[in-house]
C-alpha atoms as a PDB file:
ATOM      1  CA  MET A   1     -87.801 -26.345 -21.712  1.00  0.00           C
ATOM      2  CA  ASP A   2     -88.648 -29.266 -19.415  1.00  0.00           C
ATOM      3  CA  GLU A   3     -91.460 -27.239 -17.833  1.00  0.00           C
ATOM      4  CA  LEU A   4     -92.962 -26.466 -21.241  1.00  0.00           C
ATOM      5  CA  ARG A   5     -92.766 -30.134 -22.227  1.00  0.00           C
ATOM      6  CA  ARG A   6     -94.560 -31.129 -19.023  1.00  0.00           C
ATOM      7  CA  ILE A   7     -97.317 -28.589 -19.691  1.00  0.00           C
ATOM      8  CA  LEU A   8     -97.789 -29.961 -23.214  1.00  0.00           C
ATOM      9  CA  GLU A   9     -97.823 -33.541 -21.956  1.00  0.00           C
ATOM     10  CA  MET A  10    -100.474 -32.653 -19.363  1.00  0.00           C
ATOM     11  CA  LEU A  11    -102.524 -30.986 -22.115  1.00  0.00           C
ATOM     12  CA  ALA A  12    -102.172 -34.009 -24.417  1.00  0.00           C
ATOM     13  CA  ALA A  13    -103.185 -36.353 -21.596  1.00  0.00           C
ATOM     14  CA  GLY A  14    -106.292 -34.277 -20.918  1.00  0.00           C
ATOM     15  CA  GLN A  15    -105.148 -33.377 -17.404  1.00  0.00           C
ATOM     16  CA  ILE A  16    -105.512 -29.639 -18.099  1.00  0.00           C
ATOM     17  CA  SER A  17    -107.563 -27.559 -20.518  1.00  0.00           C
ATOM     18  CA  VAL A  18    -106.191 -25.389 -23.315  1.00  0.00           C
ATOM     19  CA  ASP A  19    -106.906 -22.276 -21.244  1.00  0.00           C
ATOM     20  CA  GLU A  20    -105.049 -23.723 -18.253  1.00  0.00           C
ATOM     21  CA  ALA A  21    -102.117 -24.665 -20.490  1.00  0.00           C
ATOM     22  CA  LEU A  22    -102.000 -21.118 -21.887  1.00  0.00           C
ATOM     23  CA  GLU A  23    -102.046 -19.682 -18.375  1.00  0.00           C
ATOM     24  CA  LEU A  24     -99.190 -21.964 -17.294  1.00  0.00           C
ATOM     25  CA  VAL A  25     -97.120 -21.131 -20.392  1.00  0.00           C
ATOM     26  CA  SER A  26     -97.716 -17.421 -19.813  1.00  0.00           C
ATOM     27  CA  ALA A  27     -96.567 -17.728 -16.193  1.00  0.00           C
ATOM     28  CA  LEU A  28     -93.537 -19.720 -17.295  1.00  0.00           C
ATOM     29  CA  GLU A  29     -92.558 -17.062 -19.855  1.00  0.00           C
ATOM     30  CA  GLY A  30     -92.987 -14.347 -17.215  1.00  0.00           C
ATOM     31  CA  GLU A  31     -90.525 -16.171 -14.941  1.00  0.00           C
ATOM     32  CA  ARG A  32     -87.978 -16.471 -17.734  1.00  0.00           C
ATOM     33  CA  GLN A  33     -88.129 -12.743 -18.470  1.00  0.00           C
ATOM     34  CA  LYS A  34     -87.468 -11.635 -14.893  1.00  0.00           C
ATOM     35  CA  PRO A  35     -83.999 -10.127 -14.510  1.00  0.00           C
ATOM     36  CA  ARG A  36     -81.588 -12.456 -12.801  1.00  0.00           C
ATOM     37  CA  ARG A  37     -79.959 -10.746  -9.854  1.00  0.00           C
ATOM     38  CA  GLY A  38     -76.987 -11.724  -7.798  1.00  0.00           C
ATOM     39  CA  ARG A  39     -75.089 -13.437 -10.555  1.00  0.00           C
ATOM     40  CA  PHE A  40     -71.605 -11.902 -10.226  1.00  0.00           C
ATOM     41  CA  VAL A  41     -69.102 -11.325  -7.436  1.00  0.00           C
ATOM     42  CA  ARG A  42     -67.316  -7.995  -7.603  1.00  0.00           C
ATOM     43  CA  ILE A  43     -64.085  -7.514  -5.694  1.00  0.00           C
ATOM     44  CA  ASP A  44     -62.805  -3.945  -5.593  1.00  0.00           C
ATOM     45  CA  ILE A  45     -59.578  -3.144  -3.757  1.00  0.00           C
ATOM     46  CA  GLN A  46     -58.329   0.449  -3.810  1.00  0.00           C
ATOM     47  CA  GLY A  47     -54.893   0.961  -2.273  1.00  0.00           C
ATOM     48  CA  PRO A  48     -52.250   3.674  -2.461  1.00  0.00           C
ATOM     49  CA  ASP A  49     -50.197   1.825  -5.068  1.00  0.00           C
ATOM     50  CA  ASP A  50     -52.682  -0.516  -6.684  1.00  0.00           C
ATOM     51  CA  LYS A  51     -56.269  -0.815  -7.743  1.00  0.00           C
ATOM     52  CA  VAL A  52     -57.863  -4.202  -8.310  1.00  0.00           C
ATOM     53  CA  LYS A  53     -61.281  -4.790  -9.815  1.00  0.00           C
ATOM     54  CA  VAL A  54     -62.426  -8.337 -10.395  1.00  0.00           C
ATOM     55  CA  HIS A  55     -65.915  -9.178 -11.661  1.00  0.00           C
ATOM     56  CA  ILE A  56     -66.530 -12.910 -11.952  1.00  0.00           C
ATOM     57  CA  PRO A  57     -69.610 -15.136 -12.244  1.00  0.00           C
ATOM     58  CA  LEU A  58     -71.042 -16.260  -8.924  1.00  0.00           C
ATOM     59  CA  ALA A  59     -70.612 -19.879  -9.991  1.00  0.00           C
ATOM     60  CA  LEU A  60     -66.837 -19.307 -10.147  1.00  0.00           C
ATOM     61  CA  ALA A  61     -66.628 -17.323  -6.908  1.00  0.00           C
ATOM     62  CA  ARG A  62     -64.680 -19.971  -5.039  1.00  0.00           C
ATOM     63  CA  PHE A  63     -61.870 -19.480  -7.546  1.00  0.00           C
ATOM     64  CA  ALA A  64     -61.818 -15.685  -7.078  1.00  0.00           C
ATOM     65  CA  ALA A  65     -58.579 -15.644  -5.091  1.00  0.00           C
ATOM     66  CA  ARG A  66     -56.748 -17.009  -8.121  1.00  0.00           C
ATOM     67  CA  PHE A  67     -57.618 -13.837 -10.045  1.00  0.00           C
ATOM     68  CA  LEU A  68     -56.238 -11.471  -7.405  1.00  0.00           C
ATOM     69  CA  PRO A  69     -52.694 -10.109  -7.498  1.00  0.00           C
ATOM     70  CA  LYS A  70     -50.389 -10.774  -4.570  1.00  0.00           C
ATOM     71  CA  GLU A  71     -50.845  -7.219  -3.240  1.00  0.00           C
ATOM     72  CA  ALA A  72     -54.621  -7.641  -3.122  1.00  0.00           C
ATOM     73  CA  ARG A  73     -54.330 -10.910  -1.223  1.00  0.00           C
ATOM     74  CA  SER A  74     -51.977  -9.136   1.177  1.00  0.00           C
ATOM     75  CA  ALA A  75     -54.546  -6.366   1.734  1.00  0.00           C
ATOM     76  CA  LEU A  76     -57.207  -8.966   2.504  1.00  0.00           C
ATOM     77  CA  GLY A  77     -54.850 -10.668   4.950  1.00  0.00           C
ATOM     78  CA  ALA A  78     -54.124  -7.341   6.653  1.00  0.00           C
ATOM     79  CA  ALA A  79     -57.876  -6.888   7.113  1.00  0.00           C
ATOM     80  CA  ASP A  80     -58.068 -10.420   8.549  1.00  0.00           C
ATOM     81  CA  VAL A  81     -60.412 -11.425   5.717  1.00  0.00           C
ATOM     82  CA  SER A  82     -60.422 -14.947   4.364  1.00  0.00           C
ATOM     83  CA  LEU A  83     -61.808 -14.613   0.862  1.00  0.00           C
ATOM     84  CA  ASP A  84     -62.135 -18.389   0.559  1.00  0.00           C
ATOM     85  CA  GLU A  85     -64.250 -18.601   3.721  1.00  0.00           C
ATOM     86  CA  LEU A  86     -66.374 -15.615   2.755  1.00  0.00           C
ATOM     87  CA  LEU A  87     -67.125 -16.968  -0.703  1.00  0.00           C
ATOM     88  CA  ALA A  88     -67.712 -20.509   0.563  1.00  0.00           C
ATOM     89  CA  GLU A  89     -70.715 -19.170   2.491  1.00  0.00           C
ATOM     90  CA  LEU A  90     -72.391 -17.734  -0.622  1.00  0.00           C
ATOM     91  CA  THR A  91     -75.738 -19.090  -1.700  1.00  0.00           C
ATOM     92  CA  PRO A  92     -77.083 -18.911  -5.276  1.00  0.00           C
ATOM     93  CA  ASP A  93     -79.590 -16.231  -4.259  1.00  0.00           C
ATOM     94  CA  ALA A  94     -77.076 -14.028  -2.416  1.00  0.00           C
ATOM     95  CA  GLU A  95     -76.900 -10.368  -3.359  1.00  0.00           C
ATOM     96  CA  GLY A  96     -75.545  -7.070  -2.067  1.00  0.00           C
ATOM     97  CA  LYS A  97     -72.476  -6.160  -0.046  1.00  0.00           C
ATOM     98  CA  LEU A  98     -70.666  -9.008   1.611  1.00  0.00           C
ATOM     99  CA  LEU A  99     -67.803  -6.942   2.971  1.00  0.00           C
ATOM    100  CA  GLU A 100     -66.724  -3.325   3.012  1.00  0.00           C
ATOM    101  CA  VAL A 101     -63.686  -2.411   5.062  1.00  0.00           C
ATOM    102  CA  ASP A 102     -60.992   0.253   5.201  1.00  0.00           C
ATOM    103  CA  VAL A 103     -57.566  -1.003   6.225  1.00  0.00           C
ATOM    104  CA  ASP A 104     -54.806   1.241   7.546  1.00  0.00           C
ATOM    105  CA  GLU A 105     -51.551  -0.674   7.250  1.00  0.00           C
ATOM    106  CA  ASP A 106     -48.376   1.254   8.103  1.00  0.00           C
ATOM    107  CA  GLY A 107     -50.121   4.563   7.408  1.00  0.00           C
ATOM    108  CA  GLU A 108     -51.316   3.445   3.970  1.00  0.00           C
ATOM    109  CA  LYS A 109     -55.056   3.094   3.520  1.00  0.00           C
ATOM    110  CA  THR A 110     -56.730   0.422   1.449  1.00  0.00           C
ATOM    111  CA  ARG A 111     -60.454   0.086   0.817  1.00  0.00           C
ATOM    112  CA  ILE A 112     -61.889  -3.399   0.190  1.00  0.00           C
ATOM    113  CA  LEU A 113     -65.377  -4.000  -1.186  1.00  0.00           C
ATOM    114  CA  ILE A 114     -66.778  -7.430  -1.990  1.00  0.00           C
ATOM    115  CA  GLU A 115     -70.344  -7.680  -3.224  1.00  0.00           C
ATOM    116  CA  VAL A 116     -72.708  -9.783  -5.259  1.00  0.00           C
ATOM    117  CA  VAL A 117     -74.255  -7.830  -8.138  1.00  0.00           C
END
């Protein structure tokens, strides 16, 4: 909304023409309609006794560990993965797989996938 207001103010002040204002508004609307990617963190832990799937907004990623059950945190620890450190490194434009690992702890396999979708 601030961008649109600035365009209208520039038009009113005579700094740009009507055609230029229309072009700017059109470009602004095009930006708003682009799909926003990389907005959620998905944590998927598949173990022999438990399955954990957490899908949280990227903005809340640093709190992700609070949503995980004790067993899931244990699986991350067994894989020597610090979820807090991993998520602290995220940038707003991050996307894709951050971590994919298979852990074999005492003969029991656990698959861990953390990605930004």
